[in-house]
Amino acid sequence: MGRLFGTDGVRGLANGQLTPELALSLSQAAVHVLAPNKESVTVVVGRDPRASGEMLEAAVCAGLTSVGANVQRVGVLPTPAVAFLTSHIGADFGIMLSASHNPMPDNGIKIFAAGGKKLPDRVEDEIELALEIPHSRPTGAKIGRVVDYRNGARHYIDHLQGTITGTLSGLHVVVDCANGAASAVAPQTYERAGARVTAICANPDGININDRCGSTHLDVVKDAVVEHGADIGISHDGDADRCLAVCADGTVVDGDQIMAILATAMHNTGDLAGNTLVATVMSNLGLHQAMATAGIALTTTAVGDRYVLEALNEGGYSLGGEQSGHIVMPQYATTGDGLLTALQLMAVMAKTGQSLAQLAATMVHAPQVLINVSVADKGVVTSDAIQSCVKEHEEALGESGRILLRPSGTEPIVRVMVEATTAQRAGEVAEEIAALVKATTYP
């Protein structure tokens, strides 16, 4: 059996790979690893609104209380809200039930350590091993209890409001809530900050989460922004840990551009720690060029906001993220927070008086081509023939292009990404390398 934890918790088809039995066992194992031998254990449990969350929440609460842990059940809230409340309440750890941007039939279990921090790989491995260990079962008054924590949304919104100064008055924002966890709190948050808010896809019914809406279906918010004459569109995913934006004319502003805007603003105010932005290897070459022009250092990590977080914490930096819209600001959050990102982005607009399009012009995307190649062995990327081909093209492209070969962490796929001065050139190079990857056997 492969590793249970992926890049962002345990995820799979609810009631298929991700069963109530597994959810119960994982919860018990988490107590064993994260709060060993403690007489009193408190765990925050939240979920997104997908139907299977009700089933899995019941299983998680049963698992936790069966080993004596007490549950603060916060209900439907964004993933970053659960991370925040884990710290705010002083809980031993937190559990979020969500499959993020995945379709409704999937679900996932994300576990936060004390302080709302993501778990390192070694701790996840310990939890997996603990699944095989019999756990003692208390009886009587020592069985854990479940309490509904009803002030979670208010505390989270209060926290977000404290991250900005001034008001968003005069800004009209359309927010696509993906019929997900942000459906109630995102509109409230932006309204309290002073913006005029038009909320769409904010009526979750347990089935419609991420259904042709949210950050993976941007046409919905693009059309709504133009229709309503709004200044900006914000699109969240199902658990609202990411944020993508749309200009007044419907042009998409991705995570790289959002990072460029925020990094430049923080650089100008002296708030960019180490004068450094942290991004992943998948960020566009245009971000590298924009940061160089602005005099900002850019350090890169493997794909995944957990690796961005590690680099941020190790370097003491204040801003990082991914092209997908996971933006992390350690001063305010321990994980990617889509609502925090949107607030910070709109605050820059309000302070500068510039439109989102004007701010986004800081970065110009380099043409990028990405080809996914199915392989029998992902180790093929280390073959001499492929490495030689890549090196040859890298020398030809020089500083005006970039090549990245990345084995998928979850599928038998090698991702071939090429950036160049023109889409045609990027496509030609990508096709050649992809064909070689497909034709090469390994070892």
Protein backbone atom coordinates (compact mmCIF):
# COMPACT_ATOMS: atom_id res chain seq x y z
CA MET A 1 0.00 0.00 0.00
CA GLY A 2 1.29 3.49 -0.87
CA ARG A 3 1.60 6.39 1.53
CA LEU A 4 -1.80 7.36 2.91
CA PHE A 5 -1.08 11.08 3.23
CA GLY A 6 -0.68 13.08 0.04
CA THR A 7 0.57 16.64 -0.42
CA ASP A 8 -2.44 18.01 1.47
CA GLY A 9 -3.79 15.43 3.87
CA VAL A 10 -5.68 12.22 3.11
CA ARG A 11 -7.98 12.53 0.14
CA GLY A 12 -10.17 10.18 -1.90
CA LEU A 13 -13.65 9.14 -2.91
CA ALA A 14 -15.87 9.51 0.15
CA ASN A 15 -17.24 6.14 1.25
CA GLY A 16 -14.90 4.61 -1.35
CA GLN A 17 -11.23 4.96 -0.44
CA LEU A 18 -12.10 7.43 2.32
CA THR A 19 -14.45 5.48 4.57
CA PRO A 20 -15.95 6.36 7.96
CA GLU A 21 -13.87 3.52 9.42
CA LEU A 22 -10.67 5.11 8.11
CA ALA A 23 -11.73 8.54 9.38
CA LEU A 24 -12.41 7.08 12.83
CA SER A 25 -9.08 5.24 12.94
CA LEU A 26 -7.11 8.26 11.72
CA SER A 27 -8.66 10.39 14.44
CA GLN A 28 -7.70 7.89 17.12
CA ALA A 29 -4.17 7.62 15.72
CA ALA A 30 -3.82 11.42 15.62
CA VAL A 31 -4.58 11.64 19.34
CA HIS A 32 -2.01 8.93 20.01
CA VAL A 33 0.71 10.84 18.09
CA LEU A 34 -0.17 14.50 18.65
CA ALA A 35 -1.33 14.41 22.27
CA PRO A 36 0.26 11.33 23.83
CA ASN A 37 -0.47 10.57 27.48
CA LYS A 38 -2.41 13.80 28.05
CA GLU A 39 -5.26 13.66 30.52
CA SER A 40 -7.25 16.37 28.74
CA VAL A 41 -7.17 16.68 24.95
CA THR A 42 -9.07 19.25 22.88
CA VAL A 43 -9.52 18.99 19.10
CA VAL A 44 -11.15 21.48 16.71
CA VAL A 45 -13.20 19.79 13.97
CA GLY A 46 -14.56 21.64 10.93
CA ARG A 47 -15.75 20.77 7.44
CA ASP A 48 -16.83 22.13 4.10
CA PRO A 49 -20.50 21.72 3.10
CA ARG A 50 -20.24 18.63 0.88
CA ALA A 51 -22.76 15.95 1.86
CA SER A 52 -20.18 13.34 2.84
CA GLY A 53 -18.75 15.77 5.39
CA GLU A 54 -21.67 15.04 7.68
CA MET A 55 -20.85 11.32 7.67
CA LEU A 56 -17.11 11.83 8.09
CA GLU A 57 -17.57 14.46 10.79
CA ALA A 58 -19.60 11.96 12.80
CA ALA A 59 -16.90 9.32 12.35
CA VAL A 60 -14.09 11.70 13.31
CA CYS A 61 -15.94 12.88 16.41
CA ALA A 62 -16.63 9.26 17.36
CA GLY A 63 -12.97 8.35 16.92
CA LEU A 64 -11.74 11.28 18.96
CA THR A 65 -14.18 10.88 21.83
CA SER A 66 -13.63 7.11 21.93
CA VAL A 67 -10.05 7.71 23.04
CA GLY A 68 -11.02 10.44 25.49
CA ALA A 69 -10.50 13.60 23.43
CA ASN A 70 -12.96 16.48 23.63
CA VAL A 71 -14.20 18.03 20.40
CA GLN A 72 -14.90 21.67 19.65
CA ARG A 73 -17.08 21.26 16.56
CA VAL A 74 -17.02 24.48 14.52
CA GLY A 75 -19.21 23.31 11.62
CA VAL A 76 -18.87 24.60 8.06
CA LEU A 77 -15.92 26.98 7.85
CA PRO A 78 -12.93 27.51 5.51
CA THR A 79 -9.81 25.43 6.07
CA PRO A 80 -7.77 28.49 7.19
CA ALA A 81 -10.50 29.29 9.73
CA VAL A 82 -10.07 25.84 11.29
CA ALA A 83 -6.30 26.39 11.40
CA PHE A 84 -6.83 29.80 13.02
CA LEU A 85 -9.32 28.48 15.58
CA THR A 86 -7.01 25.61 16.49
CA SER A 87 -4.53 28.26 17.61
CA HIS A 88 -7.14 30.69 18.97
CA ILE A 89 -8.78 28.09 21.20
CA GLY A 90 -5.46 26.60 22.25
CA ALA A 91 -6.48 23.15 21.01
CA ASP A 92 -4.05 20.24 20.85
CA PHE A 93 -4.75 19.88 17.14
CA GLY A 94 -7.41 20.47 14.50
CA ILE A 95 -9.09 18.40 11.80
CA MET A 96 -10.63 19.81 8.62
CA LEU A 97 -12.82 17.66 6.39
CA SER A 98 -12.54 18.88 2.81
CA ALA A 99 -11.31 17.88 -0.62
CA SER A 100 -10.65 21.52 -1.52
CA HIS A 101 -11.25 22.06 -5.26
CA ASN A 102 -12.04 18.39 -5.97
CA PRO A 103 -15.53 17.45 -7.16
CA MET A 104 -18.28 16.73 -4.64
CA PRO A 105 -17.92 12.90 -4.46
CA ASP A 106 -14.40 13.29 -3.02
CA ASN A 107 -13.51 14.35 0.48
CA GLY A 108 -10.39 14.69 2.56
CA ILE A 109 -8.95 14.84 6.06
CA LYS A 110 -6.46 17.60 6.86
CA ILE A 111 -4.82 17.63 10.27
CA PHE A 112 -3.29 20.71 11.89
CA ALA A 113 -0.88 20.52 14.79
CA ALA A 114 -1.16 22.76 17.85
CA GLY A 115 -1.01 26.39 16.79
CA GLY A 116 -2.80 25.56 13.53
CA LYS A 117 0.40 24.43 11.82
CA LYS A 118 0.61 21.86 9.04
CA LEU A 119 2.15 18.52 9.91
CA PRO A 120 5.62 17.62 8.64
CA ASP A 121 5.97 14.40 6.65
CA ARG A 122 7.53 12.50 9.53
CA VAL A 123 4.55 13.19 11.81
CA GLU A 124 2.11 12.08 9.12
CA ASP A 125 4.15 8.89 8.83
CA GLU A 126 3.87 8.38 12.59
CA ILE A 127 0.09 8.74 12.37
CA GLU A 128 -0.02 6.15 9.59
CA LEU A 129 2.01 3.74 11.70
CA ALA A 130 -0.25 4.39 14.69
CA LEU A 131 -3.23 3.09 12.69
CA GLU A 132 -1.92 -0.40 13.47
CA ILE A 133 -1.67 0.20 17.22
CA PRO A 134 -4.58 -0.78 19.51
CA HIS A 135 -5.77 2.25 21.47
CA SER A 136 -7.10 2.14 25.01
CA ARG A 137 -10.80 2.93 25.30
CA PRO A 138 -11.92 4.92 28.35
CA THR A 139 -15.35 4.35 29.83
CA GLY A 140 -17.81 6.31 31.90
CA ALA A 141 -17.00 9.94 32.55
CA LYS A 142 -13.62 9.63 30.79
CA ILE A 143 -15.19 9.34 27.33
CA GLY A 144 -14.66 12.56 25.37
CA ARG A 145 -17.44 15.06 24.74
CA VAL A 146 -18.57 17.02 21.66
CA VAL A 147 -19.41 20.71 22.03
CA ASP A 148 -20.61 23.00 19.24
CA TYR A 149 -18.35 26.05 19.12
CA ARG A 150 -20.74 28.67 17.78
CA ASN A 151 -18.49 31.74 17.68
CA GLY A 152 -15.94 30.39 15.21
CA ALA A 153 -17.04 32.46 12.21
CA ARG A 154 -17.15 35.67 14.24
CA HIS A 155 -13.68 35.16 15.71
CA TYR A 156 -12.25 34.32 12.29
CA ILE A 157 -13.79 37.39 10.63
CA ASP A 158 -12.58 39.60 13.49
CA HIS A 159 -9.09 38.23 12.95
CA LEU A 160 -9.20 38.96 9.21
CA GLN A 161 -10.40 42.52 9.78
CA GLY A 162 -7.40 43.13 11.99
CA THR A 163 -4.99 42.43 9.13
CA ILE A 164 -5.84 45.57 7.15
CA THR A 165 -5.97 49.28 7.89
CA GLY A 166 -8.32 51.72 6.26
CA THR A 167 -11.46 50.79 4.39
CA LEU A 168 -12.40 49.14 1.12
CA SER A 169 -15.17 51.69 0.63
CA GLY A 170 -15.69 52.48 -3.05
CA LEU A 171 -14.69 49.01 -4.24
CA HIS A 172 -17.30 46.70 -5.74
CA VAL A 173 -16.29 43.04 -5.53
CA VAL A 174 -17.96 39.98 -7.01
CA VAL A 175 -17.05 36.90 -4.97
CA ASP A 176 -17.55 33.35 -6.26
CA CYS A 177 -17.76 31.17 -3.16
CA ALA A 178 -17.79 27.86 -5.11
CA ASN A 179 -20.89 26.86 -3.11
CA GLY A 180 -18.31 25.93 -0.53
CA ALA A 181 -17.04 26.74 2.92
CA ALA A 182 -16.70 30.48 2.24
CA SER A 183 -20.33 30.97 1.21
CA ALA A 184 -21.30 32.74 4.42
CA VAL A 185 -18.05 34.19 5.76
CA ALA A 186 -16.51 35.64 2.57
CA PRO A 187 -19.36 38.08 1.77
CA GLN A 188 -19.57 39.08 5.44
CA THR A 189 -15.81 39.66 5.61
CA TYR A 190 -15.63 41.90 2.55
CA GLU A 191 -18.74 43.84 3.54
CA ARG A 192 -17.37 44.50 7.02
CA ALA A 193 -14.20 45.82 5.40
CA GLY A 194 -16.30 48.39 3.54
CA ALA A 195 -16.62 46.86 0.07
CA ARG A 196 -19.83 46.57 -1.87
CA VAL A 197 -20.28 42.82 -2.36
CA THR A 198 -22.08 40.76 -4.96
CA ALA A 199 -21.92 37.10 -3.92
CA ILE A 200 -22.40 34.31 -6.46
CA CYS A 201 -22.34 30.52 -6.07
CA ALA A 202 -22.97 31.06 -2.35
CA ASN A 203 -25.87 28.67 -1.79
CA PRO A 204 -24.38 25.31 -0.85
CA ASP A 205 -26.71 22.33 -0.76
CA GLY A 206 -24.15 19.62 -0.06
CA ILE A 207 -24.07 18.56 -3.70
CA ASN A 208 -23.15 21.68 -5.70
CA ILE A 209 -19.71 22.46 -4.22
CA ASN A 210 -17.19 23.28 -7.00
CA ASP A 211 -19.85 22.39 -9.59
CA ARG A 212 -18.93 24.58 -12.60
CA CYS A 213 -17.92 27.39 -10.26
CA GLY A 214 -15.06 28.48 -8.05
CA SER A 215 -11.37 28.86 -8.76
CA THR A 216 -11.26 26.02 -11.30
CA HIS A 217 -14.13 27.48 -13.39
CA LEU A 218 -13.30 31.17 -13.75
CA ASP A 219 -15.72 31.94 -16.58
CA VAL A 220 -18.49 32.29 -13.98
CA VAL A 221 -16.84 35.11 -12.05
CA LYS A 222 -15.45 36.72 -15.23
CA ASP A 223 -18.95 37.04 -16.68
CA ALA A 224 -20.40 38.29 -13.38
CA VAL A 225 -17.76 41.00 -12.96
CA VAL A 226 -18.46 42.39 -16.43
CA GLU A 227 -22.24 42.09 -15.97
CA HIS A 228 -22.25 43.95 -12.65
CA GLY A 229 -19.59 46.49 -13.58
CA ALA A 230 -17.52 45.47 -10.57
CA ASP A 231 -13.97 46.61 -9.84
CA ILE A 232 -12.69 43.14 -9.03
CA GLY A 233 -13.76 39.52 -8.97
CA ILE A 234 -12.57 37.03 -6.36
CA SER A 235 -12.88 33.28 -6.83
CA HIS A 236 -12.37 30.80 -4.01
CA ASP A 237 -12.22 27.02 -4.06
CA GLY A 238 -14.37 24.68 -1.97
CA ASP A 239 -12.48 25.19 1.29
CA ALA A 240 -11.37 28.78 0.55
CA ASP A 241 -7.66 28.30 1.10
CA ARG A 242 -6.96 29.80 -2.32
CA CYS A 243 -7.88 32.96 -4.17
CA LEU A 244 -7.75 33.95 -7.82
CA ALA A 245 -8.85 37.35 -9.08
CA VAL A 246 -10.43 38.97 -12.12
CA CYS A 247 -10.02 42.53 -13.43
CA ALA A 248 -12.95 44.78 -14.31
CA ASP A 249 -12.76 43.66 -17.96
CA GLY A 250 -12.77 39.96 -17.04
CA THR A 251 -9.01 39.38 -17.38
CA VAL A 252 -7.77 36.71 -14.98
CA VAL A 253 -5.11 37.54 -12.37
CA ASP A 254 -3.47 34.34 -11.16
CA GLY A 255 -1.52 33.53 -8.00
CA ASP A 256 1.79 34.62 -9.50
CA GLN A 257 0.42 38.06 -10.33
CA ILE A 258 -1.22 38.37 -6.90
CA MET A 259 2.13 37.56 -5.29
CA ALA A 260 3.84 40.15 -7.50
CA ILE A 261 1.33 42.81 -6.44
CA LEU A 262 1.55 42.01 -2.73
CA ALA A 263 5.35 41.60 -2.75
CA THR A 264 5.82 44.95 -4.48
CA ALA A 265 3.46 46.69 -2.05
CA MET A 266 5.17 45.13 0.97
CA HIS A 267 8.59 45.97 -0.46
CA ASN A 268 7.54 49.60 -0.83
CA THR A 269 6.38 49.80 2.80
CA GLY A 270 9.35 47.86 4.19
CA ASP A 271 7.15 44.95 5.29
CA LEU A 272 8.65 42.28 3.01
CA ALA A 273 10.89 40.35 5.40
CA GLY A 274 14.31 39.62 3.96
CA ASN A 275 13.14 41.46 0.85
CA THR A 276 12.26 37.95 -0.38
CA LEU A 277 9.26 36.25 -1.98
CA VAL A 278 8.87 32.46 -1.78
CA ALA A 279 7.24 30.66 -4.74
CA THR A 280 7.26 27.15 -6.19
CA VAL A 281 9.12 25.84 -9.21
CA MET A 282 5.88 26.06 -11.20
CA SER A 283 5.64 29.84 -10.95
CA ASN A 284 5.92 31.63 -14.27
CA LEU A 285 9.23 33.03 -15.49
CA GLY A 286 7.48 36.39 -15.64
CA LEU A 287 7.30 36.43 -11.85
CA HIS A 288 11.06 35.89 -11.63
CA GLN A 289 11.63 38.75 -14.07
CA ALA A 290 9.20 41.09 -12.32
CA MET A 291 10.80 40.49 -8.93
CA ALA A 292 14.29 41.04 -10.35
CA THR A 293 13.15 44.36 -11.82
CA ALA A 294 11.66 45.39 -8.47
CA GLY A 295 14.83 44.45 -6.60
CA ILE A 296 13.10 41.60 -4.74
CA ALA A 297 14.76 38.22 -4.20
CA LEU A 298 12.79 35.12 -5.22
CA THR A 299 13.39 31.70 -3.72
CA THR A 300 11.66 28.58 -5.04
CA THR A 301 10.43 25.35 -3.46
CA ALA A 302 8.81 22.10 -4.52
CA VAL A 303 5.11 22.26 -5.45
CA GLY A 304 2.78 22.39 -2.44
CA ASP A 305 1.97 25.14 0.03
CA ARG A 306 3.46 23.01 2.83
CA TYR A 307 6.88 23.40 1.19
CA VAL A 308 6.31 27.12 0.76
CA LEU A 309 5.48 27.28 4.46
CA GLU A 310 8.67 25.42 5.38
CA ALA A 311 10.78 27.89 3.39
CA LEU A 312 8.92 30.86 4.89
CA ASN A 313 9.47 29.61 8.43
CA GLU A 314 13.10 28.65 7.88
CA GLY A 315 13.99 31.99 6.32
CA GLY A 316 11.75 34.15 8.48
CA TYR A 317 10.05 35.49 5.34
CA SER A 318 6.64 37.14 5.18
CA LEU A 319 5.11 36.21 1.82
CA GLY A 320 4.93 33.15 -0.38
CA GLY A 321 2.57 31.07 -2.44
CA GLU A 322 1.65 29.21 -5.58
CA GLN A 323 0.42 30.05 -9.05
CA SER A 324 -2.83 28.27 -8.15
CA GLY A 325 -3.71 30.99 -5.65
CA HIS A 326 -2.50 29.49 -2.38
CA ILE A 327 -0.91 32.55 -0.79
CA VAL A 328 0.69 32.39 2.66
CA MET A 329 1.38 35.35 4.95
CA PRO A 330 2.88 33.92 8.16
CA GLN A 331 2.32 37.13 10.09
CA TYR A 332 -1.42 36.48 9.89
CA ALA A 333 -1.94 32.80 9.04
CA THR A 334 -0.32 29.39 9.34
CA THR A 335 -1.63 28.18 5.99
CA GLY A 336 -2.92 29.49 2.67
CA ASP A 337 -5.94 31.72 3.25
CA GLY A 338 -8.06 32.85 0.30
CA LEU A 339 -10.05 35.43 2.26
CA LEU A 340 -6.92 36.97 3.77
CA THR A 341 -5.36 37.14 0.30
CA ALA A 342 -8.41 38.84 -1.18
CA LEU A 343 -8.52 41.40 1.62
CA GLN A 344 -4.84 42.22 1.24
CA LEU A 345 -5.20 42.53 -2.54
CA MET A 346 -8.18 44.86 -2.30
CA ALA A 347 -6.41 46.88 0.40
CA VAL A 348 -3.57 47.58 -2.05
CA MET A 349 -6.15 48.74 -4.61
CA ALA A 350 -7.80 51.01 -2.05
CA LYS A 351 -4.52 52.51 -0.79
CA THR A 352 -2.97 53.13 -4.21
CA GLY A 353 -6.14 54.11 -6.05
CA GLN A 354 -5.02 51.85 -8.88
CA SER A 355 -7.18 49.32 -10.67
CA LEU A 356 -6.38 45.64 -10.47
CA ALA A 357 -5.30 45.71 -14.13
CA GLN A 358 -2.82 48.51 -13.43
CA LEU A 359 -1.37 46.64 -10.45
CA ALA A 360 -1.19 43.32 -12.33
CA ALA A 361 0.80 44.97 -15.12
CA THR A 362 3.78 44.69 -12.75
CA MET A 363 4.19 41.15 -14.11
CA VAL A 364 4.05 39.98 -17.72
CA HIS A 365 3.53 36.24 -18.21
CA ALA A 366 6.08 34.37 -20.26
CA PRO A 367 4.37 32.00 -22.73
CA GLN A 368 4.14 28.61 -21.01
CA VAL A 369 3.33 25.14 -22.33
CA LEU A 370 2.64 22.21 -20.01
CA ILE A 371 2.39 18.62 -21.28
CA ASN A 372 1.54 15.65 -19.05
CA VAL A 373 3.23 12.45 -20.20
CA SER A 374 2.06 9.04 -18.94
CA VAL A 375 5.05 6.87 -17.96
CA ALA A 376 5.66 3.41 -16.56
CA ASP A 377 8.41 4.72 -14.26
CA LYS A 378 8.73 8.36 -13.22
CA GLY A 379 12.46 7.83 -12.74
CA VAL A 380 12.76 8.20 -16.50
CA VAL A 381 13.45 11.92 -15.97
CA THR A 382 16.94 11.03 -14.70
CA SER A 383 17.98 9.20 -17.87
CA ASP A 384 21.07 10.53 -19.65
CA ALA A 385 19.22 11.03 -22.95
CA ILE A 386 16.52 13.19 -21.40
CA GLN A 387 18.92 15.18 -19.22
CA SER A 388 21.12 15.85 -22.26
CA CYS A 389 18.13 17.01 -24.32
CA VAL A 390 16.96 19.34 -21.56
CA LYS A 391 20.42 20.81 -21.09
CA GLU A 392 20.75 21.49 -24.82
CA HIS A 393 17.46 23.36 -24.94
CA GLU A 394 18.18 25.27 -21.73
CA GLU A 395 21.41 26.57 -23.23
CA ALA A 396 19.56 27.63 -26.38
CA LEU A 397 16.78 29.40 -24.44
CA GLY A 398 19.18 31.16 -22.08
CA GLU A 399 17.61 33.61 -19.62
CA SER A 400 14.58 34.10 -21.88
CA GLY A 401 13.20 30.63 -21.17
CA ARG A 402 12.91 27.84 -18.65
CA ILE A 403 12.37 24.06 -18.65
CA LEU A 404 10.99 21.99 -15.80
CA LEU A 405 10.45 18.23 -15.68
CA ARG A 406 8.40 17.27 -12.63
CA PRO A 407 7.17 13.77 -11.76
CA SER A 408 3.64 13.93 -10.35
CA GLY A 409 3.36 13.15 -6.68
CA THR A 410 0.09 11.25 -7.10
CA GLU A 411 -0.07 9.89 -10.68
CA PRO A 412 2.21 7.94 -13.10
CA ILE A 413 2.85 11.16 -14.99
CA VAL A 414 5.82 13.37 -15.80
CA ARG A 415 4.94 17.04 -16.30
CA VAL A 416 6.96 18.78 -18.99
CA MET A 417 6.80 22.56 -18.60
CA VAL A 418 8.54 24.96 -20.99
CA GLU A 419 8.56 28.75 -21.03
CA ALA A 420 9.99 30.81 -23.88
CA THR A 421 9.66 34.18 -25.59
CA THR A 422 6.86 32.86 -27.82
CA ALA A 423 4.18 30.20 -27.37
CA GLN A 424 5.32 28.56 -30.61
CA ARG A 425 8.89 28.18 -29.38
CA ALA A 426 7.73 26.88 -25.98
CA GLY A 427 5.44 24.38 -27.70
CA GLU A 428 8.15 23.09 -30.01
CA VAL A 429 10.58 22.46 -27.17
CA ALA A 430 7.91 20.92 -24.92
CA GLU A 431 6.71 18.57 -27.67
CA GLU A 432 10.25 17.37 -28.38
CA ILE A 433 11.05 16.67 -24.74
CA ALA A 434 7.65 15.06 -24.12
CA ALA A 435 8.13 12.74 -27.10
CA LEU A 436 11.53 11.71 -25.78
CA VAL A 437 10.11 11.06 -22.29
CA LYS A 438 7.37 8.91 -23.80
CA ALA A 439 9.83 6.91 -25.94
CA THR A 440 12.45 6.35 -23.24
CA THR A 441 12.41 3.26 -21.05
CA TYR A 442 13.83 3.27 -17.53
CA PRO A 443 16.17 2.10 -16.24
